[in-house]
Structure formats: structure tokens, C-alpha cells
């Protein structure tokens, strides 16, 4: 499989965004669970740093951290508005990454076929 920097970045981004969607779903499922702290997935900064420093993007893994935002009386800090917006943003980013990967493979198919 061809694995250049662009493909590696897109694959890591897709992995991180998919993890974020799972965490968002978990947050929403636990919106009424006492003492539950919302999860947040972070990978963009590590991915950016890897690209800027020439480190392999494949070494980047999404990290899940618990939110330190204020909690409600039951100790839960899941905010449905935040989760909904985050879900929409993540979905759009995921679709954009899929289109980028599809375009990349489309160019490769075109080159292999001799530009036809």
C-alpha cells in the first residue's frame, strides 16, 4: 500500500475523528449518570506537530481526557448543546477527510490508467 505523508495524515485524522464520535455518543448516553465527566478526544495538535517536525504521523494516537468543565449538582458535566455541535463538526470533518482520501486515490487511478 502506498503510504505517503498525506495518506498517513488523513488516516490518523479519520481514526481520531471516529474515536471522537464514539466518545460523543458515550457522553450523550451518560448525560444523566451522576458523577460522569464528559470525554474529550485530542489528536489534532499532536498530528500538526508530527507533520511540522517530520515525525511519522502514524505515531500519533487519539487521546481521551475527561473534561474539567463545571459540573451540575449531580457531578455530571455533559452539555447536550456542546455535544450536538461537536458531533456536527466532527461529522463534517470526517466527510472532508473521506473526500480527500477519495481524491487522492482518484488521482492515483488516473495516473495508473495513463491519464484517461
N, C-alpha and C. Protein backbone atom coordinates (compact mmCIF):
# COMPACT_ATOMS: atom_id res chain seq x y z
N UNK A 1 0.84 -1.18 0.00
CA UNK A 1 0.00 0.00 0.00
C UNK A 1 0.88 1.24 0.00
N UNK A 2 0.53 2.21 -0.82
CA UNK A 2 1.26 3.47 -0.84
C UNK A 2 0.97 4.24 0.43
N UNK A 3 2.02 4.67 1.08
CA UNK A 3 1.81 5.37 2.35
C UNK A 3 2.70 6.61 2.39
N UNK A 4 2.21 7.70 1.81
CA UNK A 4 2.92 8.95 1.87
C UNK A 4 2.41 9.76 3.07
N UNK A 5 2.98 10.93 3.27
CA UNK A 5 2.62 11.74 4.44
C UNK A 5 1.14 12.13 4.39
N UNK A 6 0.66 12.52 3.22
CA UNK A 6 -0.74 12.94 3.11
C UNK A 6 -1.68 11.80 3.49
N UNK A 7 -1.43 10.63 2.95
CA UNK A 7 -2.29 9.48 3.27
C UNK A 7 -2.22 9.14 4.75
N UNK A 8 -1.04 9.21 5.32
CA UNK A 8 -0.89 8.92 6.76
C UNK A 8 -1.66 9.93 7.60
N UNK A 9 -1.56 11.21 7.24
CA UNK A 9 -2.27 12.25 7.99
C UNK A 9 -3.77 12.03 7.91
N UNK A 10 -4.26 11.74 6.72
CA UNK A 10 -5.70 11.53 6.54
C UNK A 10 -6.16 10.31 7.34
N UNK A 11 -5.40 9.24 7.30
CA UNK A 11 -5.78 8.03 8.05
C UNK A 11 -5.81 8.28 9.57
N UNK A 12 -4.81 8.99 10.07
CA UNK A 12 -4.78 9.32 11.50
C UNK A 12 -5.94 10.23 11.86
N UNK A 13 -6.22 11.19 10.99
CA UNK A 13 -7.35 12.10 11.24
C UNK A 13 -8.67 11.32 11.27
N UNK A 14 -8.86 10.40 10.34
CA UNK A 14 -10.08 9.59 10.33
C UNK A 14 -10.20 8.75 11.60
N UNK A 15 -9.08 8.19 12.03
CA UNK A 15 -9.08 7.40 13.27
C UNK A 15 -9.45 8.27 14.47
N UNK A 16 -8.86 9.45 14.55
CA UNK A 16 -9.15 10.36 15.65
C UNK A 16 -10.59 10.85 15.63
N UNK A 17 -11.09 11.17 14.46
CA UNK A 17 -12.47 11.65 14.34
C UNK A 17 -13.47 10.55 14.67
N UNK A 18 -13.17 9.32 14.25
CA UNK A 18 -14.05 8.19 14.59
C UNK A 18 -14.07 7.98 16.11
N UNK A 19 -12.90 8.09 16.74
CA UNK A 19 -12.83 7.97 18.21
C UNK A 19 -13.64 9.08 18.87
N UNK A 20 -13.55 10.29 18.32
CA UNK A 20 -14.31 11.41 18.88
C UNK A 20 -15.81 11.13 18.79
N UNK A 21 -16.27 10.58 17.67
CA UNK A 21 -17.70 10.26 17.53
C UNK A 21 -18.14 9.24 18.58
N UNK A 22 -17.30 8.24 18.84
CA UNK A 22 -17.63 7.24 19.87
C UNK A 22 -17.71 7.88 21.26
N UNK A 23 -16.79 8.79 21.54
CA UNK A 23 -16.77 9.46 22.85
C UNK A 23 -17.99 10.38 22.98
N UNK A 24 -18.35 11.07 21.92
CA UNK A 24 -19.54 11.93 21.94
C UNK A 24 -20.77 11.07 22.23
N UNK A 25 -20.89 9.93 21.57
CA UNK A 25 -22.03 9.04 21.80
C UNK A 25 -22.05 8.56 23.25
N UNK A 26 -20.88 8.25 23.80
CA UNK A 26 -20.79 7.83 25.20
C UNK A 26 -21.20 8.97 26.14
N UNK A 27 -20.76 10.18 25.82
CA UNK A 27 -21.13 11.34 26.64
C UNK A 27 -22.65 11.51 26.66
N UNK A 28 -23.27 11.47 25.49
CA UNK A 28 -24.72 11.66 25.41
C UNK A 28 -25.45 10.52 26.13
N UNK A 29 -24.96 9.30 25.99
CA UNK A 29 -25.59 8.17 26.65
C UNK A 29 -25.53 8.30 28.17
N UNK A 30 -24.55 9.02 28.67
CA UNK A 30 -24.38 9.17 30.11
C UNK A 30 -24.77 10.55 30.63
N UNK A 31 -25.61 11.24 29.89
CA UNK A 31 -25.96 12.61 30.25
C UNK A 31 -26.62 12.71 31.63
N UNK A 32 -27.27 11.66 32.09
CA UNK A 32 -27.93 11.67 33.40
C UNK A 32 -27.20 10.84 34.45
N UNK A 33 -26.03 10.32 34.11
CA UNK A 33 -25.27 9.49 35.05
C UNK A 33 -24.57 10.38 36.08
N UNK A 34 -24.88 10.21 37.35
CA UNK A 34 -24.22 11.02 38.37
C UNK A 34 -22.69 10.83 38.35
N UNK A 35 -21.97 11.90 38.56
CA UNK A 35 -20.50 11.94 38.63
C UNK A 35 -19.80 11.64 37.30
N UNK A 36 -20.55 11.53 36.21
CA UNK A 36 -19.92 11.25 34.91
C UNK A 36 -19.31 12.54 34.35
N UNK A 37 -18.05 12.45 33.96
CA UNK A 37 -17.38 13.58 33.34
C UNK A 37 -17.23 13.32 31.85
N UNK A 38 -17.61 14.29 31.06
CA UNK A 38 -17.56 14.14 29.61
C UNK A 38 -16.13 13.88 29.13
N UNK A 39 -16.02 13.04 28.12
CA UNK A 39 -14.73 12.77 27.50
C UNK A 39 -14.47 13.75 26.36
N UNK A 40 -13.21 14.01 26.13
CA UNK A 40 -12.79 14.87 25.02
C UNK A 40 -11.63 14.17 24.31
N UNK A 41 -11.70 14.07 22.99
CA UNK A 41 -10.65 13.42 22.21
C UNK A 41 -9.74 14.49 21.63
N UNK A 42 -8.45 14.27 21.81
CA UNK A 42 -7.46 15.22 21.32
C UNK A 42 -6.45 14.48 20.46
N UNK A 43 -6.22 15.01 19.27
CA UNK A 43 -5.19 14.45 18.40
C UNK A 43 -4.66 15.47 17.40
N UNK A 44 -5.42 16.53 17.15
CA UNK A 44 -5.04 17.49 16.11
C UNK A 44 -3.69 18.15 16.36
N UNK A 45 -3.45 18.58 17.58
CA UNK A 45 -2.18 19.26 17.88
C UNK A 45 -1.00 18.31 17.72
N UNK A 46 -1.15 17.08 18.19
CA UNK A 46 -0.07 16.09 18.04
C UNK A 46 0.17 15.77 16.57
N UNK A 47 -0.89 15.71 15.79
CA UNK A 47 -0.77 15.44 14.36
C UNK A 47 -0.07 16.61 13.66
N UNK A 48 -0.46 17.82 14.01
CA UNK A 48 0.17 19.03 13.44
C UNK A 48 1.66 19.05 13.77
N UNK A 49 1.99 18.77 15.01
CA UNK A 49 3.38 18.77 15.44
C UNK A 49 4.19 17.71 14.70
N UNK A 50 3.60 16.53 14.52
CA UNK A 50 4.29 15.46 13.80
C UNK A 50 4.62 15.88 12.37
N UNK A 51 3.67 16.51 11.71
CA UNK A 51 3.89 16.96 10.33
C UNK A 51 4.96 18.05 10.30
N UNK A 52 4.88 19.00 11.22
CA UNK A 52 5.83 20.12 11.24
C UNK A 52 7.24 19.67 11.55
N UNK A 53 7.39 18.65 12.38
CA UNK A 53 8.73 18.20 12.78
C UNK A 53 9.27 17.07 11.92
N UNK A 54 8.44 16.58 11.00
CA UNK A 54 8.89 15.49 10.14
C UNK A 54 8.78 14.12 10.77
N UNK A 55 8.12 14.04 11.91
CA UNK A 55 7.88 12.75 12.56
C UNK A 55 6.77 12.03 11.82
N UNK A 56 6.79 10.72 11.84
CA UNK A 56 5.75 9.96 11.15
C UNK A 56 4.38 10.21 11.79
N UNK A 57 3.40 10.63 10.99
CA UNK A 57 2.05 10.83 11.53
C UNK A 57 1.45 9.54 12.09
N UNK A 58 1.93 8.40 11.61
CA UNK A 58 1.39 7.12 12.10
C UNK A 58 1.65 6.90 13.58
N UNK A 59 2.58 7.65 14.15
CA UNK A 59 2.89 7.52 15.57
C UNK A 59 1.87 8.23 16.46
N UNK A 60 1.01 9.04 15.85
CA UNK A 60 0.02 9.83 16.60
C UNK A 60 -1.20 8.98 16.89
N UNK A 61 -1.62 8.99 18.15
CA UNK A 61 -2.84 8.27 18.56
C UNK A 61 -3.77 9.25 19.25
N UNK A 62 -5.06 9.11 19.01
CA UNK A 62 -6.00 9.99 19.71
C UNK A 62 -5.98 9.69 21.21
N UNK A 63 -6.07 10.74 21.99
CA UNK A 63 -6.09 10.60 23.45
C UNK A 63 -7.43 11.08 23.98
N UNK A 64 -7.97 10.32 24.92
CA UNK A 64 -9.24 10.69 25.54
C UNK A 64 -8.94 11.22 26.94
N UNK A 65 -9.39 12.44 27.18
CA UNK A 65 -9.23 13.06 28.50
C UNK A 65 -10.61 13.42 29.03
N UNK A 66 -10.74 13.48 30.32
CA UNK A 66 -12.01 13.88 30.93
C UNK A 66 -12.09 15.39 31.00
N UNK A 67 -13.25 15.91 30.71
CA UNK A 67 -13.49 17.35 30.72
C UNK A 67 -13.38 17.91 32.14
N UNK A 68 -12.82 19.09 32.25
CA UNK A 68 -12.72 19.76 33.54
C UNK A 68 -13.73 20.89 33.66
N UNK A 69 -14.72 20.89 32.76
CA UNK A 69 -15.75 21.90 32.79
C UNK A 69 -16.57 21.76 34.07
N UNK A 70 -17.23 22.83 34.51
CA UNK A 70 -18.04 22.77 35.73
C UNK A 70 -19.13 21.70 35.63
N UNK A 71 -19.46 21.15 36.76
CA UNK A 71 -20.47 20.09 36.81
C UNK A 71 -21.80 20.63 37.33
N UNK A 72 -22.84 19.85 37.06
CA UNK A 72 -24.15 20.16 37.63
C UNK A 72 -24.18 19.61 39.05
N UNK A 73 -25.31 19.75 39.71
CA UNK A 73 -25.43 19.30 41.11
C UNK A 73 -25.12 17.83 41.29
N UNK A 74 -25.41 17.00 40.27
CA UNK A 74 -25.15 15.56 40.40
C UNK A 74 -23.72 15.19 40.02
N UNK A 75 -22.87 16.16 39.75
CA UNK A 75 -21.47 15.89 39.43
C UNK A 75 -21.22 15.59 37.97
N UNK A 76 -22.25 15.64 37.14
CA UNK A 76 -22.15 15.35 35.72
C UNK A 76 -21.90 16.67 34.97
N UNK A 77 -21.03 16.64 33.96
CA UNK A 77 -20.77 17.88 33.22
C UNK A 77 -21.03 17.75 31.72
N UNK A 78 -21.83 16.78 31.31
CA UNK A 78 -22.17 16.64 29.89
C UNK A 78 -23.14 17.76 29.50
N UNK A 79 -22.80 18.48 28.45
CA UNK A 79 -23.63 19.57 27.95
C UNK A 79 -24.15 19.15 26.59
N UNK A 80 -25.45 18.91 26.48
CA UNK A 80 -26.04 18.40 25.25
C UNK A 80 -25.80 19.34 24.07
N UNK A 81 -25.88 20.64 24.29
CA UNK A 81 -25.62 21.59 23.21
C UNK A 81 -24.19 21.45 22.68
N UNK A 82 -23.24 21.36 23.58
CA UNK A 82 -21.84 21.19 23.19
C UNK A 82 -21.65 19.88 22.43
N UNK A 83 -22.23 18.81 22.93
CA UNK A 83 -22.08 17.50 22.29
C UNK A 83 -22.70 17.49 20.89
N UNK A 84 -23.84 18.14 20.75
CA UNK A 84 -24.52 18.20 19.45
C UNK A 84 -23.67 18.96 18.44
N UNK A 85 -23.14 20.10 18.84
CA UNK A 85 -22.29 20.88 17.94
C UNK A 85 -21.00 20.14 17.62
N UNK A 86 -20.44 19.49 18.61
CA UNK A 86 -19.22 18.73 18.39
C UNK A 86 -19.47 17.57 17.43
N UNK A 87 -20.62 16.93 17.56
CA UNK A 87 -20.98 15.84 16.66
C UNK A 87 -21.09 16.34 15.22
N UNK A 88 -21.76 17.46 15.03
CA UNK A 88 -21.93 18.02 13.68
C UNK A 88 -20.57 18.41 13.09
N UNK A 89 -19.73 19.06 13.88
CA UNK A 89 -18.40 19.47 13.43
C UNK A 89 -17.55 18.25 13.06
N UNK A 90 -17.59 17.25 13.91
CA UNK A 90 -16.80 16.04 13.68
C UNK A 90 -17.28 15.30 12.44
N UNK A 91 -18.58 15.24 12.24
CA UNK A 91 -19.14 14.59 11.05
C UNK A 91 -18.67 15.30 9.79
N UNK A 92 -18.71 16.62 9.78
CA UNK A 92 -18.25 17.38 8.61
C UNK A 92 -16.76 17.16 8.36
N UNK A 93 -15.98 17.15 9.40
CA UNK A 93 -14.53 16.92 9.25
C UNK A 93 -14.26 15.51 8.71
N UNK A 94 -15.00 14.54 9.22
CA UNK A 94 -14.83 13.16 8.78
C UNK A 94 -15.16 13.05 7.29
N UNK A 95 -16.26 13.65 6.88
CA UNK A 95 -16.64 13.63 5.47
C UNK A 95 -15.59 14.30 4.60
N UNK A 96 -15.01 15.39 5.09
CA UNK A 96 -13.96 16.09 4.35
C UNK A 96 -12.73 15.21 4.20
N UNK A 97 -12.36 14.51 5.24
CA UNK A 97 -11.20 13.62 5.16
C UNK A 97 -11.46 12.47 4.20
N UNK A 98 -12.68 11.93 4.20
CA UNK A 98 -13.02 10.86 3.25
C UNK A 98 -12.92 11.36 1.81
N UNK A 99 -13.39 12.58 1.57
CA UNK A 99 -13.30 13.16 0.23
C UNK A 99 -11.84 13.36 -0.18
N UNK A 100 -11.01 13.79 0.76
CA UNK A 100 -9.59 13.98 0.46
C UNK A 100 -8.95 12.65 0.10
N UNK A 101 -9.26 11.61 0.85
CA UNK A 101 -8.70 10.29 0.57
C UNK A 101 -9.20 9.77 -0.77
N UNK A 102 -10.49 9.97 -1.05
CA UNK A 102 -11.06 9.54 -2.32
C UNK A 102 -10.40 10.28 -3.48
N UNK A 103 -10.15 11.57 -3.33
CA UNK A 103 -9.49 12.36 -4.37
C UNK A 103 -8.07 11.86 -4.61
N UNK A 104 -7.38 11.56 -3.52
CA UNK A 104 -6.01 11.06 -3.63
C UNK A 104 -5.99 9.76 -4.42
N UNK A 105 -6.87 8.84 -4.08
CA UNK A 105 -6.91 7.56 -4.79
C UNK A 105 -7.42 7.75 -6.22
N UNK A 106 -8.29 8.72 -6.45
CA UNK A 106 -8.74 9.01 -7.80
C UNK A 106 -7.59 9.47 -8.68
N UNK A 107 -6.71 10.31 -8.12
CA UNK A 107 -5.55 10.77 -8.88
C UNK A 107 -4.62 9.59 -9.18
N UNK A 108 -4.44 8.73 -8.20
CA UNK A 108 -3.58 7.56 -8.43
C UNK A 108 -4.17 6.65 -9.50
N UNK A 109 -5.48 6.44 -9.47
CA UNK A 109 -6.13 5.62 -10.51
C UNK A 109 -5.92 6.25 -11.89
N UNK A 110 -6.05 7.56 -11.96
CA UNK A 110 -5.87 8.26 -13.22
C UNK A 110 -4.45 8.11 -13.74
N UNK A 111 -3.47 8.22 -12.88
CA UNK A 111 -2.07 8.08 -13.27
C UNK A 111 -1.80 6.65 -13.73
N UNK A 112 -2.32 5.68 -13.00
CA UNK A 112 -2.11 4.27 -13.35
C UNK A 112 -2.71 3.96 -14.72
N UNK A 113 -3.87 4.54 -15.01
CA UNK A 113 -4.54 4.31 -16.28
C UNK A 113 -3.94 5.14 -17.42
N UNK A 114 -2.97 5.95 -17.10
CA UNK A 114 -2.31 6.75 -18.13
C UNK A 114 -3.02 8.06 -18.41
N UNK A 115 -3.71 8.58 -17.38
CA UNK A 115 -4.36 9.88 -17.54
C UNK A 115 -5.73 9.82 -18.20
N UNK A 116 -6.20 8.65 -18.50
CA UNK A 116 -7.50 8.53 -19.16
C UNK A 116 -8.64 8.58 -18.20
